[in-house]
């Protein structure tokens, strides 16, 4: 992923582009991980209220 971002971004914005890509990746992985965790809990019948 970083090689693609590094090659596509202009020289003066390479570090910013990589930082934004990392932040986006970490944010999306947290959202997807929480969704999958909830699906597994529903499938297994674990009714734990985490609110």
Protein backbone atom coordinates (compact mmCIF):
# COMPACT_ATOMS: atom_id res chain seq x y z
CA UNK A 1 0.00 0.00 0.00
CA UNK A 2 2.74 2.46 0.94
CA UNK A 3 4.67 1.87 -2.29
CA UNK A 4 1.62 2.83 -4.35
CA UNK A 5 0.95 5.95 -2.28
CA UNK A 6 4.63 6.92 -2.38
CA UNK A 7 4.80 6.54 -6.15
CA UNK A 8 1.54 8.43 -6.83
CA UNK A 9 2.00 11.39 -4.50
CA UNK A 10 4.00 14.51 -5.39
CA UNK A 11 7.41 14.89 -3.77
CA UNK A 12 6.35 17.66 -1.38
CA UNK A 13 3.34 15.70 -0.03
CA UNK A 14 4.72 12.15 0.30
CA UNK A 15 4.88 12.09 4.11
CA UNK A 16 1.44 13.67 4.45
CA UNK A 17 -0.07 11.18 2.01
CA UNK A 18 1.44 8.24 3.89
CA UNK A 19 0.23 9.60 7.24
CA UNK A 20 -3.31 10.06 5.93
CA UNK A 21 -3.30 6.58 4.38
CA UNK A 22 -2.21 5.05 7.68
CA UNK A 23 -4.88 6.96 9.61
CA UNK A 24 -7.54 5.87 7.13
CA UNK A 25 -6.38 2.24 7.25
CA UNK A 26 -6.38 2.14 11.06
CA UNK A 27 -9.81 3.80 11.23
CA UNK A 28 -11.39 1.46 8.72
CA UNK A 29 -9.86 -1.64 10.30
CA UNK A 30 -11.30 -0.67 13.70
CA UNK A 31 -14.77 -0.21 12.25
CA UNK A 32 -14.66 -3.48 10.31
CA UNK A 33 -13.22 -5.35 13.30
CA UNK A 34 -16.02 -4.14 15.57
CA UNK A 35 -18.64 -5.12 13.01
CA UNK A 36 -17.20 -8.62 12.60
CA UNK A 37 -16.94 -9.05 16.37
CA UNK A 38 -20.61 -8.16 16.74
CA UNK A 39 -21.60 -10.61 13.98
CA UNK A 40 -19.67 -13.40 15.71
CA UNK A 41 -21.37 -12.58 19.01
CA UNK A 42 -24.79 -12.74 17.32
CA UNK A 43 -23.98 -16.05 15.61
CA UNK A 44 -22.74 -17.60 18.85
CA UNK A 45 -25.71 -16.30 20.76
CA UNK A 46 -23.76 -14.09 23.14
CA UNK A 47 -26.15 -11.37 24.20
CA UNK A 48 -23.79 -9.08 26.05
CA UNK A 49 -24.82 -5.46 26.14
CA UNK A 50 -21.74 -3.29 25.58
CA UNK A 51 -23.53 0.05 25.48
